[in-house]
Amino acid sequence: MQDRPAPDELLDAVASFLREQVTGASGAPLAFHARVAANAIDIVRRELQLAPAASARERAALVPLLNADPASDVAQLNRLLCERIAAGEMDLATPGLAETLWQITLDKLAVDQPTYDTYLRSTRAARDEER
């Protein structure tokens, strides 16, 4: 859709309403649930913004690591990865595995917990290395 408000603007408006209006005007249980709802909206917004690129990075890393069919989707690749780790065919000594798992973890944290201290330190360190 090309008209305003854009979906991310709508999500921001609802989250702000919950945080600024409902939380302050409500009793403790409702205020808590309003904060939870606002946080859920923030996660959905970040998922919509970040997930396509993160999924593409994950797929691009897993296909060669697993020597998998390039037509595989991320869910299939993750199942294959889990099967190989469970079977002892891959472990942290497998070249590229630790780095791939770390990048997948950082991408998931960017959506779910972008203020998590380890995520912030890791992304700050990566930016510093790029300079």
N, C-alpha and C. Protein backbone atom coordinates (compact mmCIF):
# COMPACT_ATOMS: atom_id res chain seq x y z
N MET A 1 0.85 -1.17 0.00
CA MET A 1 0.00 0.00 0.00
C MET A 1 0.89 1.23 0.00
N GLN A 2 0.53 2.22 -0.77
CA GLN A 2 1.37 3.41 -0.91
C GLN A 2 0.85 4.60 -0.12
N ASP A 3 -0.33 4.48 0.44
CA ASP A 3 -0.91 5.60 1.18
C ASP A 3 -0.42 5.61 2.61
N ARG A 4 -0.52 6.78 3.21
CA ARG A 4 -0.14 6.91 4.60
C ARG A 4 -1.38 6.80 5.46
N PRO A 5 -1.30 6.30 6.63
CA PRO A 5 -0.07 5.89 7.30
C PRO A 5 0.43 4.53 6.84
N ALA A 6 1.74 4.39 6.85
CA ALA A 6 2.38 3.13 6.50
C ALA A 6 2.17 2.14 7.65
N PRO A 7 2.28 0.84 7.38
CA PRO A 7 2.09 -0.15 8.45
C PRO A 7 2.97 0.08 9.67
N ASP A 8 4.25 0.44 9.47
CA ASP A 8 5.10 0.66 10.64
C ASP A 8 4.66 1.89 11.43
N GLU A 9 4.09 2.89 10.76
CA GLU A 9 3.57 4.06 11.46
C GLU A 9 2.33 3.69 12.28
N LEU A 10 1.49 2.84 11.74
CA LEU A 10 0.32 2.37 12.49
C LEU A 10 0.75 1.59 13.74
N LEU A 11 1.70 0.70 13.56
CA LEU A 11 2.19 -0.07 14.70
C LEU A 11 2.81 0.84 15.76
N ASP A 12 3.59 1.82 15.33
CA ASP A 12 4.19 2.77 16.27
C ASP A 12 3.12 3.54 17.03
N ALA A 13 2.07 3.96 16.32
CA ALA A 13 1.00 4.73 16.96
C ALA A 13 0.28 3.91 18.02
N VAL A 14 -0.02 2.65 17.72
CA VAL A 14 -0.71 1.80 18.69
C VAL A 14 0.20 1.53 19.89
N ALA A 15 1.46 1.23 19.65
CA ALA A 15 2.39 0.98 20.75
C ALA A 15 2.53 2.22 21.63
N SER A 16 2.63 3.38 21.01
CA SER A 16 2.73 4.63 21.78
C SER A 16 1.48 4.86 22.60
N PHE A 17 0.30 4.65 22.02
CA PHE A 17 -0.96 4.80 22.74
C PHE A 17 -0.98 3.90 23.97
N LEU A 18 -0.60 2.65 23.78
CA LEU A 18 -0.60 1.71 24.91
C LEU A 18 0.36 2.16 26.00
N ARG A 19 1.56 2.59 25.61
CA ARG A 19 2.56 3.00 26.60
C ARG A 19 2.20 4.32 27.29
N GLU A 20 1.73 5.29 26.51
CA GLU A 20 1.55 6.63 27.03
C GLU A 20 0.17 6.88 27.62
N GLN A 21 -0.87 6.27 27.07
CA GLN A 21 -2.23 6.53 27.54
C GLN A 21 -2.76 5.43 28.45
N VAL A 22 -2.71 4.21 27.98
CA VAL A 22 -3.31 3.10 28.73
C VAL A 22 -2.51 2.79 29.99
N THR A 23 -1.19 2.71 29.85
CA THR A 23 -0.35 2.34 30.99
C THR A 23 -0.49 3.34 32.14
N GLY A 24 -0.48 4.63 31.83
CA GLY A 24 -0.57 5.64 32.87
C GLY A 24 -1.94 5.79 33.48
N ALA A 25 -2.99 5.43 32.77
CA ALA A 25 -4.34 5.63 33.25
C ALA A 25 -4.96 4.35 33.82
N SER A 26 -4.18 3.30 33.94
CA SER A 26 -4.73 2.00 34.33
C SER A 26 -4.14 1.53 35.64
N GLY A 27 -4.82 0.56 36.22
CA GLY A 27 -4.29 -0.10 37.40
C GLY A 27 -3.14 -1.02 37.00
N ALA A 28 -2.47 -1.53 37.99
CA ALA A 28 -1.26 -2.33 37.76
C ALA A 28 -1.45 -3.49 36.78
N PRO A 29 -2.49 -4.33 36.94
CA PRO A 29 -2.60 -5.46 36.00
C PRO A 29 -2.81 -5.01 34.56
N LEU A 30 -3.69 -4.04 34.32
CA LEU A 30 -3.93 -3.57 32.96
C LEU A 30 -2.71 -2.85 32.41
N ALA A 31 -2.03 -2.08 33.24
CA ALA A 31 -0.83 -1.38 32.80
C ALA A 31 0.24 -2.38 32.37
N PHE A 32 0.38 -3.46 33.13
CA PHE A 32 1.35 -4.49 32.78
C PHE A 32 1.01 -5.10 31.42
N HIS A 33 -0.26 -5.46 31.23
CA HIS A 33 -0.68 -6.07 29.98
C HIS A 33 -0.57 -5.09 28.80
N ALA A 34 -0.76 -3.81 29.06
CA ALA A 34 -0.59 -2.80 28.01
C ALA A 34 0.87 -2.73 27.59
N ARG A 35 1.79 -2.79 28.57
CA ARG A 35 3.22 -2.79 28.24
C ARG A 35 3.60 -4.04 27.45
N VAL A 36 3.06 -5.19 27.84
CA VAL A 36 3.32 -6.44 27.12
C VAL A 36 2.80 -6.32 25.69
N ALA A 37 1.60 -5.78 25.52
CA ALA A 37 1.03 -5.62 24.17
C ALA A 37 1.86 -4.65 23.33
N ALA A 38 2.31 -3.55 23.93
CA ALA A 38 3.15 -2.59 23.21
C ALA A 38 4.46 -3.24 22.79
N ASN A 39 5.05 -4.03 23.67
CA ASN A 39 6.29 -4.73 23.32
C ASN A 39 6.06 -5.74 22.21
N ALA A 40 4.92 -6.43 22.22
CA ALA A 40 4.60 -7.39 21.16
C ALA A 40 4.47 -6.67 19.82
N ILE A 41 3.86 -5.51 19.83
CA ILE A 41 3.72 -4.71 18.60
C ILE A 41 5.10 -4.31 18.09
N ASP A 42 5.99 -3.91 19.00
CA ASP A 42 7.35 -3.55 18.59
C ASP A 42 8.07 -4.73 17.95
N ILE A 43 7.88 -5.93 18.51
CA ILE A 43 8.52 -7.12 17.95
C ILE A 43 7.98 -7.40 16.55
N VAL A 44 6.67 -7.29 16.38
CA VAL A 44 6.07 -7.51 15.05
C VAL A 44 6.62 -6.51 14.05
N ARG A 45 6.73 -5.24 14.45
CA ARG A 45 7.26 -4.20 13.55
C ARG A 45 8.68 -4.54 13.13
N ARG A 46 9.53 -4.92 14.11
CA ARG A 46 10.92 -5.27 13.78
C ARG A 46 10.97 -6.52 12.92
N GLU A 47 10.09 -7.49 13.19
CA GLU A 47 10.03 -8.71 12.38
C GLU A 47 9.71 -8.36 10.93
N LEU A 48 8.74 -7.51 10.71
CA LEU A 48 8.38 -7.10 9.35
C LEU A 48 9.53 -6.39 8.65
N GLN A 49 10.27 -5.58 9.40
CA GLN A 49 11.37 -4.81 8.82
C GLN A 49 12.62 -5.65 8.59
N LEU A 50 12.96 -6.50 9.54
CA LEU A 50 14.27 -7.15 9.54
C LEU A 50 14.27 -8.60 9.06
N ALA A 51 13.17 -9.30 9.20
CA ALA A 51 13.15 -10.74 8.92
C ALA A 51 13.50 -11.11 7.48
N PRO A 52 13.02 -10.40 6.48
CA PRO A 52 13.37 -10.83 5.12
C PRO A 52 14.88 -10.87 4.86
N ALA A 53 15.60 -9.85 5.27
CA ALA A 53 17.05 -9.83 5.06
C ALA A 53 17.74 -10.87 5.94
N ALA A 54 17.27 -11.03 7.17
CA ALA A 54 17.87 -12.02 8.07
C ALA A 54 17.67 -13.43 7.53
N SER A 55 16.49 -13.69 7.03
CA SER A 55 16.19 -15.02 6.46
C SER A 55 17.06 -15.28 5.23
N ALA A 56 17.25 -14.28 4.41
CA ALA A 56 18.10 -14.43 3.23
C ALA A 56 19.55 -14.71 3.63
N ARG A 57 20.04 -13.99 4.67
CA ARG A 57 21.41 -14.24 5.15
C ARG A 57 21.54 -15.65 5.71
N GLU A 58 20.53 -16.07 6.46
CA GLU A 58 20.57 -17.41 7.07
C GLU A 58 20.60 -18.48 5.98
N ARG A 59 19.74 -18.34 5.01
CA ARG A 59 19.69 -19.30 3.90
C ARG A 59 21.01 -19.31 3.14
N ALA A 60 21.54 -18.13 2.85
CA ALA A 60 22.80 -18.02 2.11
C ALA A 60 23.96 -18.65 2.87
N ALA A 61 23.92 -18.62 4.18
CA ALA A 61 24.99 -19.22 4.99
C ALA A 61 24.80 -20.73 5.13
N LEU A 62 23.55 -21.17 5.29
CA LEU A 62 23.30 -22.59 5.55
C LEU A 62 23.44 -23.47 4.32
N VAL A 63 23.06 -22.98 3.14
CA VAL A 63 23.14 -23.83 1.94
C VAL A 63 24.57 -24.35 1.72
N PRO A 64 25.59 -23.48 1.69
CA PRO A 64 26.94 -24.03 1.49
C PRO A 64 27.47 -24.80 2.71
N LEU A 65 27.11 -24.34 3.90
CA LEU A 65 27.58 -25.02 5.11
C LEU A 65 27.09 -26.47 5.15
N LEU A 66 25.86 -26.67 4.72
CA LEU A 66 25.26 -28.00 4.75
C LEU A 66 25.39 -28.75 3.42
N ASN A 67 25.96 -28.05 2.41
CA ASN A 67 26.00 -28.60 1.06
C ASN A 67 24.60 -29.06 0.66
N ALA A 68 23.65 -28.16 0.89
CA ALA A 68 22.23 -28.48 0.71
C ALA A 68 21.72 -27.99 -0.63
N ASP A 69 20.55 -28.48 -0.96
CA ASP A 69 19.86 -28.06 -2.18
C ASP A 69 19.57 -26.57 -2.10
N PRO A 70 20.03 -25.79 -3.08
CA PRO A 70 19.79 -24.35 -3.06
C PRO A 70 18.31 -23.96 -3.07
N ALA A 71 17.44 -24.89 -3.44
CA ALA A 71 16.00 -24.61 -3.44
C ALA A 71 15.38 -24.79 -2.05
N SER A 72 16.15 -25.28 -1.09
CA SER A 72 15.63 -25.50 0.26
C SER A 72 15.24 -24.18 0.91
N ASP A 73 14.15 -24.23 1.69
CA ASP A 73 13.80 -23.03 2.44
C ASP A 73 14.49 -23.07 3.81
N VAL A 74 14.40 -21.99 4.54
CA VAL A 74 15.12 -21.87 5.81
C VAL A 74 14.68 -22.92 6.81
N ALA A 75 13.38 -23.23 6.85
CA ALA A 75 12.90 -24.25 7.79
C ALA A 75 13.52 -25.61 7.47
N GLN A 76 13.59 -25.97 6.20
CA GLN A 76 14.21 -27.24 5.80
C GLN A 76 15.69 -27.25 6.17
N LEU A 77 16.36 -26.14 5.93
CA LEU A 77 17.79 -26.05 6.25
C LEU A 77 18.03 -26.17 7.75
N ASN A 78 17.17 -25.55 8.54
CA ASN A 78 17.31 -25.65 9.99
C ASN A 78 17.07 -27.08 10.48
N ARG A 79 16.09 -27.77 9.90
CA ARG A 79 15.87 -29.17 10.27
C ARG A 79 17.10 -30.00 9.94
N LEU A 80 17.66 -29.79 8.75
CA LEU A 80 18.85 -30.53 8.33
C LEU A 80 20.02 -30.23 9.26
N LEU A 81 20.20 -28.98 9.61
CA LEU A 81 21.27 -28.59 10.54
C LEU A 81 21.09 -29.30 11.88
N CYS A 82 19.88 -29.26 12.41
CA CYS A 82 19.62 -29.92 13.70
C CYS A 82 19.88 -31.41 13.62
N GLU A 83 19.45 -32.04 12.54
CA GLU A 83 19.68 -33.48 12.36
C GLU A 83 21.16 -33.80 12.34
N ARG A 84 21.93 -32.99 11.63
CA ARG A 84 23.37 -33.26 11.53
C ARG A 84 24.08 -33.02 12.85
N ILE A 85 23.67 -32.01 13.58
CA ILE A 85 24.27 -31.77 14.90
C ILE A 85 23.89 -32.91 15.84
N ALA A 86 22.62 -33.31 15.85
CA ALA A 86 22.16 -34.39 16.72
C ALA A 86 22.87 -35.72 16.40
N ALA A 87 23.16 -35.93 15.12
CA ALA A 87 23.83 -37.17 14.69
C ALA A 87 25.34 -37.12 14.93
N GLY A 88 25.84 -35.98 15.37
CA GLY A 88 27.27 -35.85 15.60
C GLY A 88 28.06 -35.59 14.33
N GLU A 89 27.37 -35.31 13.23
CA GLU A 89 28.04 -35.04 11.97
C GLU A 89 28.63 -33.64 11.91
N MET A 90 28.12 -32.75 12.75
CA MET A 90 28.62 -31.38 12.81
C MET A 90 28.72 -30.98 14.28
N ASP A 91 29.73 -30.17 14.57
CA ASP A 91 29.86 -29.59 15.90
C ASP A 91 30.58 -28.25 15.75
N LEU A 92 30.91 -27.62 16.86
CA LEU A 92 31.52 -26.29 16.78
C LEU A 92 32.89 -26.29 16.11
N ALA A 93 33.47 -27.47 15.92
CA ALA A 93 34.74 -27.55 15.19
C ALA A 93 34.51 -27.53 13.67
N THR A 94 33.27 -27.69 13.24
CA THR A 94 32.95 -27.65 11.81
C THR A 94 33.19 -26.24 11.29
N PRO A 95 34.05 -26.09 10.28
CA PRO A 95 34.35 -24.75 9.76
C PRO A 95 33.09 -23.98 9.36
N GLY A 96 32.98 -22.79 9.91
CA GLY A 96 31.87 -21.90 9.58
C GLY A 96 30.63 -22.05 10.44
N LEU A 97 30.51 -23.15 11.18
CA LEU A 97 29.29 -23.38 11.95
C LEU A 97 29.11 -22.36 13.07
N ALA A 98 30.14 -22.15 13.87
CA ALA A 98 30.01 -21.21 15.00
C ALA A 98 29.67 -19.81 14.50
N GLU A 99 30.33 -19.38 13.44
CA GLU A 99 30.08 -18.03 12.91
C GLU A 99 28.66 -17.91 12.37
N THR A 100 28.20 -18.96 11.70
CA THR A 100 26.84 -18.96 11.16
C THR A 100 25.81 -18.92 12.29
N LEU A 101 26.00 -19.75 13.29
CA LEU A 101 25.08 -19.76 14.43
C LEU A 101 25.07 -18.41 15.15
N TRP A 102 26.23 -17.78 15.28
CA TRP A 102 26.31 -16.48 15.94
C TRP A 102 25.55 -15.42 15.14
N GLN A 103 25.72 -15.42 13.83
CA GLN A 103 25.01 -14.43 13.00
C GLN A 103 23.50 -14.65 13.06
N ILE A 104 23.07 -15.90 13.03
CA ILE A 104 21.64 -16.20 13.14
C ILE A 104 21.11 -15.71 14.48
N THR A 105 21.87 -15.93 15.54
CA THR A 105 21.48 -15.48 16.87
C THR A 105 21.37 -13.96 16.92
N LEU A 106 22.34 -13.27 16.37
CA LEU A 106 22.30 -11.80 16.37
C LEU A 106 21.10 -11.28 15.58
N ASP A 107 20.80 -11.92 14.46
CA ASP A 107 19.64 -11.50 13.67
C ASP A 107 18.34 -11.71 14.44
N LYS A 108 18.26 -12.79 15.20
CA LYS A 108 17.06 -13.04 16.00
C LYS A 108 16.96 -12.04 17.16
N LEU A 109 18.09 -11.72 17.77
CA LEU A 109 18.08 -10.73 18.85
C LEU A 109 17.70 -9.34 18.35
N ALA A 110 18.07 -9.02 17.12
CA ALA A 110 17.71 -7.72 16.55
C ALA A 110 16.19 -7.54 16.50
N VAL A 111 15.48 -8.63 16.33
CA VAL A 111 14.02 -8.59 16.30
C VAL A 111 13.46 -8.67 17.72
N ASP A 112 13.91 -9.64 18.48
CA ASP A 112 13.29 -9.94 19.76
C ASP A 112 13.79 -9.09 20.93
N GLN A 113 15.07 -8.84 21.00
CA GLN A 113 15.66 -8.13 22.15
C GLN A 113 16.78 -7.19 21.71
N PRO A 114 16.47 -6.14 20.93
CA PRO A 114 17.54 -5.28 20.40
C PRO A 114 18.27 -4.45 21.45
N THR A 115 17.78 -4.43 22.67
CA THR A 115 18.48 -3.71 23.73
C THR A 115 19.26 -4.65 24.65
N TYR A 116 19.31 -5.93 24.31
CA TYR A 116 20.05 -6.92 25.08
C TYR A 116 21.53 -6.55 25.05
N ASP A 117 22.18 -6.54 26.20
CA ASP A 117 23.54 -6.04 26.32
C ASP A 117 24.53 -6.77 25.40
N THR A 118 24.47 -8.09 25.34
CA THR A 118 25.40 -8.84 24.50
C THR A 118 25.18 -8.49 23.03
N TYR A 119 23.92 -8.32 22.61
CA TYR A 119 23.63 -7.92 21.24
C TYR A 119 24.23 -6.55 20.95
N LEU A 120 24.04 -5.60 21.85
CA LEU A 120 24.56 -4.25 21.65
C LEU A 120 26.09 -4.25 21.57
N ARG A 121 26.74 -5.00 22.47
CA ARG A 121 28.20 -5.07 22.44
C ARG A 121 28.70 -5.70 21.14
N SER A 122 28.04 -6.75 20.70
CA SER A 122 28.47 -7.45 19.49
C SER A 122 28.29 -6.58 18.25
N THR A 123 27.17 -5.91 18.15
CA THR A 123 26.95 -5.07 16.97
C THR A 123 27.84 -3.84 17.01
N ARG A 124 28.11 -3.33 18.19
CA ARG A 124 29.04 -2.19 18.32
C ARG A 124 30.45 -2.60 17.91
N ALA A 125 30.87 -3.79 18.35
CA ALA A 125 32.20 -4.29 18.00
C ALA A 125 32.31 -4.52 16.48
N ALA A 126 31.25 -5.04 15.88
CA ALA A 126 31.28 -5.27 14.43
C ALA A 126 31.38 -3.95 13.67
N ARG A 127 30.66 -2.93 14.14
CA ARG A 127 30.73 -1.62 13.50
C ARG A 127 32.13 -1.03 13.64
N ASP A 128 32.74 -1.20 14.82
CA ASP A 128 34.08 -0.69 15.05
C ASP A 128 35.10 -1.37 14.12
N GLU A 129 34.91 -2.67 13.89
CA GLU A 129 35.83 -3.40 13.01
C GLU A 129 35.70 -2.93 11.56
N GLU A 130 34.50 -2.51 11.17
CA GLU A 130 34.29 -2.04 9.79
C GLU A 130 34.98 -0.72 9.52
N ARG A 131 35.21 0.05 10.55
CA ARG A 131 35.82 1.38 10.38
C ARG A 131 37.28 1.28 10.13
